[in-house]
Amino acid sequence: MSNDIAYPVFRAPDPVLALSVARRLMEFGRCEHSEVSVYAYLRSVAEVRRVAKELPEGWFRGKEECGEFDGVPREDQPALVVGVQGPGLPADPTAYEGRLPVECELFDRPVGSIEDAFTAAIGPNRGEINWRELCWPDALDLDLCGESKHAEVTLLFNTPHVTSTSPPTTTPSSSTFAASASTAAR
């Protein structure tokens, strides 16, 4: 049994610089099956609409209250609750009442396919880029064996914390960008 441990390795106020560093670290463990996923947490209708224009293929899903749709068939639930791609987002601002923050996600994309567009689109919102299916090589001179089970690189946007589940920051001055790698505890 093993546990994931994230090590913060870089922090910068410039998202493009942070992306560059995270990519260099990711390339160290990249293999043919490596994938990238992106996530954003959008706190206003204006930000949802802006990001949907920049990332129309993203899946957008608003929050729902626990049990709010118990017994309601999926096809009868609001599109924003079920999840919808950018062009299918509701035009009526009242559809977002009680649904913010809205999450935007793109899963399991080829490495290099979405990172630049996502970094340009994230703006003041909290988000992350996560590269998975990596394989850290052996470092025999340090007596370290290669590892793939926990090999990931995550780039966090607009959070002072290592985990993206932390509450969003409220002011741009508190925004930070951190790249981290996960590995197994030995």
C-alpha atoms as a PDB file:
ATOM      1  CA  MET A   1       0.000   0.000   0.000  1.00  0.00           C
ATOM      2  CA  SER A   2       1.216   3.503  -0.753  1.00  0.00           C
ATOM      3  CA  ASN A   3       0.058   7.085  -0.449  1.00  0.00           C
ATOM      4  CA  ASP A   4       0.212  10.045  -2.803  1.00  0.00           C
ATOM      5  CA  ILE A   5       2.315  12.944  -1.604  1.00  0.00           C
ATOM      6  CA  ALA A   6       2.350  16.251  -3.467  1.00  0.00           C
ATOM      7  CA  TYR A   7       5.558  18.240  -3.281  1.00  0.00           C
ATOM      8  CA  PRO A   8       5.288  21.927  -4.147  1.00  0.00           C
ATOM      9  CA  VAL A   9       8.246  22.623  -6.392  1.00  0.00           C
ATOM     10  CA  PHE A  10       7.619  26.072  -7.863  1.00  0.00           C
ATOM     11  CA  ARG A  11       5.483  29.121  -7.180  1.00  0.00           C
ATOM     12  CA  ALA A  12       5.157  32.244  -9.348  1.00  0.00           C
ATOM     13  CA  PRO A  13       2.666  35.040 -10.021  1.00  0.00           C
ATOM     14  CA  ASP A  14       3.020  34.508 -13.801  1.00  0.00           C
ATOM     15  CA  PRO A  15       0.802  31.679 -15.123  1.00  0.00           C
ATOM     16  CA  VAL A  16       2.758  31.323 -18.378  1.00  0.00           C
ATOM     17  CA  LEU A  17       6.032  30.910 -16.468  1.00  0.00           C
ATOM     18  CA  ALA A  18       4.398  28.418 -14.077  1.00  0.00           C
ATOM     19  CA  LEU A  19       3.053  26.441 -17.071  1.00  0.00           C
ATOM     20  CA  SER A  20       6.530  26.363 -18.600  1.00  0.00           C
ATOM     21  CA  VAL A  21       8.064  24.970 -15.401  1.00  0.00           C
ATOM     22  CA  ALA A  22       5.251  22.423 -14.926  1.00  0.00           C
ATOM     23  CA  ARG A  23       5.672  21.249 -18.525  1.00  0.00           C
ATOM     24  CA  ARG A  24       9.393  20.735 -18.052  1.00  0.00           C
ATOM     25  CA  LEU A  25       8.725  18.623 -14.983  1.00  0.00           C
ATOM     26  CA  MET A  26       5.967  16.686 -16.765  1.00  0.00           C
ATOM     27  CA  GLU A  27       8.203  15.991 -19.769  1.00  0.00           C
ATOM     28  CA  PHE A  28      10.656  14.290 -17.413  1.00  0.00           C
ATOM     29  CA  GLY A  29       8.066  11.544 -16.822  1.00  0.00           C
ATOM     30  CA  ARG A  30       6.004  11.702 -20.003  1.00  0.00           C
ATOM     31  CA  CYS A  31       5.268   8.433 -21.790  1.00  0.00           C
ATOM     32  CA  GLU A  32       3.049   7.355 -24.689  1.00  0.00           C
ATOM     33  CA  HIS A  33      -0.073   7.024 -22.492  1.00  0.00           C
ATOM     34  CA  SER A  34       0.279  10.343 -20.646  1.00  0.00           C
ATOM     35  CA  GLU A  35      -2.860  12.495 -20.516  1.00  0.00           C
ATOM     36  CA  VAL A  36      -3.875  15.935 -19.323  1.00  0.00           C
ATOM     37  CA  SER A  37      -7.089  17.137 -17.683  1.00  0.00           C
ATOM     38  CA  VAL A  38      -8.104  20.673 -16.723  1.00  0.00           C
ATOM     39  CA  TYR A  39     -10.550  22.001 -14.140  1.00  0.00           C
ATOM     40  CA  ALA A  40     -11.808  25.518 -13.394  1.00  0.00           C
ATOM     41  CA  TYR A  41     -14.135  26.883 -10.707  1.00  0.00           C
ATOM     42  CA  LEU A  42     -16.076  29.861 -12.051  1.00  0.00           C
ATOM     43  CA  ARG A  43     -17.730  32.158  -9.524  1.00  0.00           C
ATOM     44  CA  SER A  44     -19.834  34.437 -11.734  1.00  0.00           C
ATOM     45  CA  VAL A  45     -22.116  34.167 -14.748  1.00  0.00           C
ATOM     46  CA  ALA A  46     -19.836  36.573 -16.630  1.00  0.00           C
ATOM     47  CA  GLU A  47     -16.833  34.295 -16.029  1.00  0.00           C
ATOM     48  CA  VAL A  48     -18.792  31.191 -17.068  1.00  0.00           C
ATOM     49  CA  ARG A  49     -19.737  32.867 -20.341  1.00  0.00           C
ATOM     50  CA  ARG A  50     -16.234  34.210 -20.967  1.00  0.00           C
ATOM     51  CA  VAL A  51     -14.563  30.845 -20.361  1.00  0.00           C
ATOM     52  CA  ALA A  52     -17.215  29.035 -22.441  1.00  0.00           C
ATOM     53  CA  LYS A  53     -16.287  31.251 -25.401  1.00  0.00           C
ATOM     54  CA  GLU A  54     -12.594  30.426 -24.958  1.00  0.00           C
ATOM     55  CA  LEU A  55     -13.105  26.719 -24.153  1.00  0.00           C
ATOM     56  CA  PRO A  56     -16.362  25.745 -25.934  1.00  0.00           C
ATOM     57  CA  GLU A  57     -15.548  22.026 -25.693  1.00  0.00           C
ATOM     58  CA  GLY A  58     -15.426  22.251 -21.885  1.00  0.00           C
ATOM     59  CA  TRP A  59     -18.079  20.562 -19.756  1.00  0.00           C
ATOM     60  CA  PHE A  60     -19.802  22.995 -17.407  1.00  0.00           C
ATOM     61  CA  ARG A  61     -21.685  21.878 -14.328  1.00  0.00           C
ATOM     62  CA  GLY A  62     -23.314  24.008 -11.654  1.00  0.00           C
ATOM     63  CA  LYS A  63     -23.742  22.970  -8.057  1.00  0.00           C
ATOM     64  CA  GLU A  64     -26.862  21.339  -6.690  1.00  0.00           C
ATOM     65  CA  GLU A  65     -28.157  20.943  -3.174  1.00  0.00           C
ATOM     66  CA  CYS A  66     -27.899  17.512  -1.570  1.00  0.00           C
ATOM     67  CA  GLY A  67     -31.020  15.575  -2.509  1.00  0.00           C
ATOM     68  CA  GLU A  68     -32.377  18.403  -4.666  1.00  0.00           C
ATOM     69  CA  PHE A  69     -33.108  16.089  -7.577  1.00  0.00           C
ATOM     70  CA  ASP A  70     -33.669  12.788  -5.780  1.00  0.00           C
ATOM     71  CA  GLY A  71     -36.181  10.822  -7.817  1.00  0.00           C
ATOM     72  CA  VAL A  72     -36.069  13.263 -10.731  1.00  0.00           C
ATOM     73  CA  PRO A  73     -35.068  11.555 -13.999  1.00  0.00           C
ATOM     74  CA  ARG A  74     -31.788  12.882 -15.366  1.00  0.00           C
ATOM     75  CA  GLU A  75     -33.491  14.153 -18.545  1.00  0.00           C
ATOM     76  CA  ASP A  76     -35.782  16.349 -16.426  1.00  0.00           C
ATOM     77  CA  GLN A  77     -32.947  17.999 -14.492  1.00  0.00           C
ATOM     78  CA  PRO A  78     -31.577  21.396 -15.592  1.00  0.00           C
ATOM     79  CA  ALA A  79     -28.802  21.137 -18.176  1.00  0.00           C
ATOM     80  CA  LEU A  80     -26.501  23.174 -15.950  1.00  0.00           C
ATOM     81  CA  VAL A  81     -26.863  20.588 -13.174  1.00  0.00           C
ATOM     82  CA  VAL A  82     -26.396  17.535 -15.400  1.00  0.00           C
ATOM     83  CA  GLY A  83     -23.504  19.109 -17.293  1.00  0.00           C
ATOM     84  CA  VAL A  84     -23.363  20.753 -20.678  1.00  0.00           C
ATOM     85  CA  GLN A  85     -20.710  21.845 -23.153  1.00  0.00           C
ATOM     86  CA  GLY A  86     -20.094  25.565 -23.617  1.00  0.00           C
ATOM     87  CA  PRO A  87     -22.499  26.205 -26.530  1.00  0.00           C
ATOM     88  CA  GLY A  88     -25.336  24.541 -24.593  1.00  0.00           C
ATOM     89  CA  LEU A  89     -25.085  26.776 -21.515  1.00  0.00           C
ATOM     90  CA  PRO A  90     -28.298  28.582 -20.545  1.00  0.00           C
ATOM     91  CA  ALA A  91     -28.628  32.113 -21.915  1.00  0.00           C
ATOM     92  CA  ASP A  92     -30.964  33.167 -19.103  1.00  0.00           C
ATOM     93  CA  PRO A  93     -28.978  34.512 -16.113  1.00  0.00           C
ATOM     94  CA  THR A  94     -31.638  33.220 -13.702  1.00  0.00           C
ATOM     95  CA  ALA A  95     -30.653  29.643 -14.635  1.00  0.00           C
ATOM     96  CA  TYR A  96     -27.433  30.239 -12.651  1.00  0.00           C
ATOM     97  CA  GLU A  97     -29.164  31.249  -9.415  1.00  0.00           C
ATOM     98  CA  GLY A  98     -27.983  28.879  -6.701  1.00  0.00           C
ATOM     99  CA  ARG A  99     -25.700  27.071  -9.177  1.00  0.00           C
ATOM    100  CA  LEU A 100     -22.466  29.028  -8.666  1.00  0.00           C
ATOM    101  CA  PRO A 101     -19.648  28.215  -8.631  1.00  0.00           C
ATOM    102  CA  VAL A 102     -19.840  26.406 -11.954  1.00  0.00           C
ATOM    103  CA  GLU A 103     -17.123  23.852 -12.677  1.00  0.00           C
ATOM    104  CA  CYS A 104     -15.551  23.588 -16.113  1.00  0.00           C
ATOM    105  CA  GLU A 105     -13.732  20.355 -16.937  1.00  0.00           C
ATOM    106  CA  LEU A 106     -11.933  18.745 -19.842  1.00  0.00           C
ATOM    107  CA  PHE A 107     -10.757  15.178 -19.123  1.00  0.00           C
ATOM    108  CA  ASP A 108      -8.123  12.859 -20.549  1.00  0.00           C
ATOM    109  CA  ARG A 109      -6.827  14.974 -23.420  1.00  0.00           C
ATOM    110  CA  PRO A 110      -3.580  14.399 -25.294  1.00  0.00           C
ATOM    111  CA  VAL A 111      -0.649  16.205 -23.703  1.00  0.00           C
ATOM    112  CA  GLY A 112      -0.149  19.590 -25.364  1.00  0.00           C
ATOM    113  CA  SER A 113      -3.731  19.863 -26.656  1.00  0.00           C
ATOM    114  CA  ILE A 114      -5.349  22.185 -24.106  1.00  0.00           C
ATOM    115  CA  GLU A 115      -2.801  23.604 -21.677  1.00  0.00           C
ATOM    116  CA  ASP A 116      -2.061  26.903 -23.467  1.00  0.00           C
ATOM    117  CA  ALA A 117      -5.722  27.716 -24.127  1.00  0.00           C
ATOM    118  CA  PHE A 118      -6.662  26.865 -20.538  1.00  0.00           C
ATOM    119  CA  THR A 119      -3.848  28.979 -19.074  1.00  0.00           C
ATOM    120  CA  ALA A 120      -4.977  31.919 -21.221  1.00  0.00           C
ATOM    121  CA  ALA A 121      -8.630  31.403 -20.226  1.00  0.00           C
ATOM    122  CA  ILE A 122      -8.306  30.856 -16.455  1.00  0.00           C
ATOM    123  CA  GLY A 123      -8.094  34.571 -15.591  1.00  0.00           C
ATOM    124  CA  PRO A 124      -8.846  35.223 -11.907  1.00  0.00           C
ATOM    125  CA  ASN A 125     -10.549  31.866 -11.397  1.00  0.00           C
ATOM    126  CA  ARG A 126      -9.283  28.953  -9.356  1.00  0.00           C
ATOM    127  CA  GLY A 127      -8.227  26.005 -11.489  1.00  0.00           C
ATOM    128  CA  GLU A 128      -5.717  23.306 -12.245  1.00  0.00           C
ATOM    129  CA  ILE A 129      -3.993  21.408 -15.005  1.00  0.00           C
ATOM    130  CA  ASN A 130      -3.206  17.783 -14.144  1.00  0.00           C
ATOM    131  CA  TRP A 131      -0.899  15.545 -16.169  1.00  0.00           C
ATOM    132  CA  ARG A 132      -1.352  11.835 -15.391  1.00  0.00           C
ATOM    133  CA  GLU A 133      -0.093   8.475 -16.586  1.00  0.00           C
ATOM    134  CA  LEU A 134       3.502   9.625 -16.210  1.00  0.00           C
ATOM    135  CA  CYS A 135       6.451   7.379 -15.372  1.00  0.00           C
ATOM    136  CA  TRP A 136       9.331   8.704 -13.298  1.00  0.00           C
ATOM    137  CA  PRO A 137      12.573   7.104 -14.513  1.00  0.00           C
ATOM    138  CA  ASP A 138      15.054   5.242 -12.353  1.00  0.00           C
ATOM    139  CA  ALA A 139      17.705   7.321 -10.579  1.00  0.00           C
ATOM    140  CA  LEU A 140      20.036   4.484  -9.668  1.00  0.00           C
ATOM    141  CA  ASP A 141      22.838   6.781  -8.510  1.00  0.00           C
ATOM    142  CA  LEU A 142      20.402   7.998  -5.799  1.00  0.00           C
ATOM    143  CA  ASP A 143      19.112   4.458  -5.149  1.00  0.00           C
ATOM    144  CA  LEU A 144      15.631   5.399  -6.431  1.00  0.00           C
ATOM    145  CA  CYS A 145      13.548   3.092  -8.570  1.00  0.00           C
ATOM    146  CA  GLY A 146      11.313   4.420 -11.303  1.00  0.00           C
ATOM    147  CA  GLU A 147       7.650   4.834 -10.440  1.00  0.00           C
ATOM    148  CA  SER A 148       4.392   5.276 -12.358  1.00  0.00           C
ATOM    149  CA  LYS A 149       1.532   4.528  -9.949  1.00  0.00           C
ATOM    150  CA  HIS A 150       1.643   7.979  -8.329  1.00  0.00           C
ATOM    151  CA  ALA A 151       3.465   9.935 -11.026  1.00  0.00           C
ATOM    152  CA  GLU A 152       1.574  13.165 -11.736  1.00  0.00           C
ATOM    153  CA  VAL A 153       2.246  16.849 -12.162  1.00  0.00           C
ATOM    154  CA  THR A 154      -0.405  19.391 -11.183  1.00  0.00           C
ATOM    155  CA  LEU A 155      -0.348  23.114 -11.876  1.00  0.00           C
ATOM    156  CA  LEU A 156      -2.656  25.106  -9.594  1.00  0.00           C
ATOM    157  CA  PHE A 157      -3.981  28.564 -10.435  1.00  0.00           C
ATOM    158  CA  ASN A 158      -5.103  31.287  -8.039  1.00  0.00           C
ATOM    159  CA  THR A 159      -4.743  29.448  -4.790  1.00  0.00           C
ATOM    160  CA  PRO A 160      -2.192  29.905  -2.008  1.00  0.00           C
ATOM    161  CA  HIS A 161      -2.604  26.242  -1.019  1.00  0.00           C
ATOM    162  CA  VAL A 162      -1.196  23.033  -2.447  1.00  0.00           C
ATOM    163  CA  THR A 163      -4.637  21.431  -2.881  1.00  0.00           C
ATOM    164  CA  SER A 164      -7.181  22.836  -5.304  1.00  0.00           C
ATOM    165  CA  THR A 165     -10.011  21.982  -2.892  1.00  0.00           C
ATOM    166  CA  SER A 166      -9.030  25.000  -0.797  1.00  0.00           C
ATOM    167  CA  PRO A 167     -11.442  27.952  -0.808  1.00  0.00           C
ATOM    168  CA  PRO A 168     -10.873  30.278  -3.772  1.00  0.00           C
ATOM    169  CA  THR A 169      -8.813  33.361  -3.231  1.00  0.00           C
ATOM    170  CA  THR A 170     -10.682  36.646  -3.204  1.00  0.00           C
ATOM    171  CA  THR A 171      -8.073  39.128  -4.330  1.00  0.00           C
ATOM    172  CA  PRO A 172      -5.628  38.983  -7.233  1.00  0.00           C
ATOM    173  CA  SER A 173      -2.788  39.929  -4.885  1.00  0.00           C
ATOM    174  CA  SER A 174      -3.187  36.622  -3.045  1.00  0.00           C
ATOM    175  CA  SER A 175      -3.061  34.608  -6.261  1.00  0.00           C
ATOM    176  CA  THR A 176      -0.225  32.130  -6.588  1.00  0.00           C
ATOM    177  CA  PHE A 177       0.684  29.455  -9.070  1.00  0.00           C
ATOM    178  CA  ALA A 178       2.322  26.257  -7.875  1.00  0.00           C
ATOM    179  CA  ALA A 179       3.544  23.216  -9.769  1.00  0.00           C
ATOM    180  CA  SER A 180       3.685  19.982  -7.800  1.00  0.00           C
ATOM    181  CA  ALA A 181       4.577  16.360  -8.437  1.00  0.00           C
ATOM    182  CA  SER A 182       3.106  13.323  -6.740  1.00  0.00           C
ATOM    183  CA  THR A 183       5.058  10.237  -5.847  1.00  0.00           C
ATOM    184  CA  ALA A 184       4.683   7.269  -3.566  1.00  0.00           C
ATOM    185  CA  ALA A 185       5.814   7.482   0.038  1.00  0.00           C
ATOM    186  CA  ARG A 186       8.441   4.860   0.762  1.00  0.00           C
END
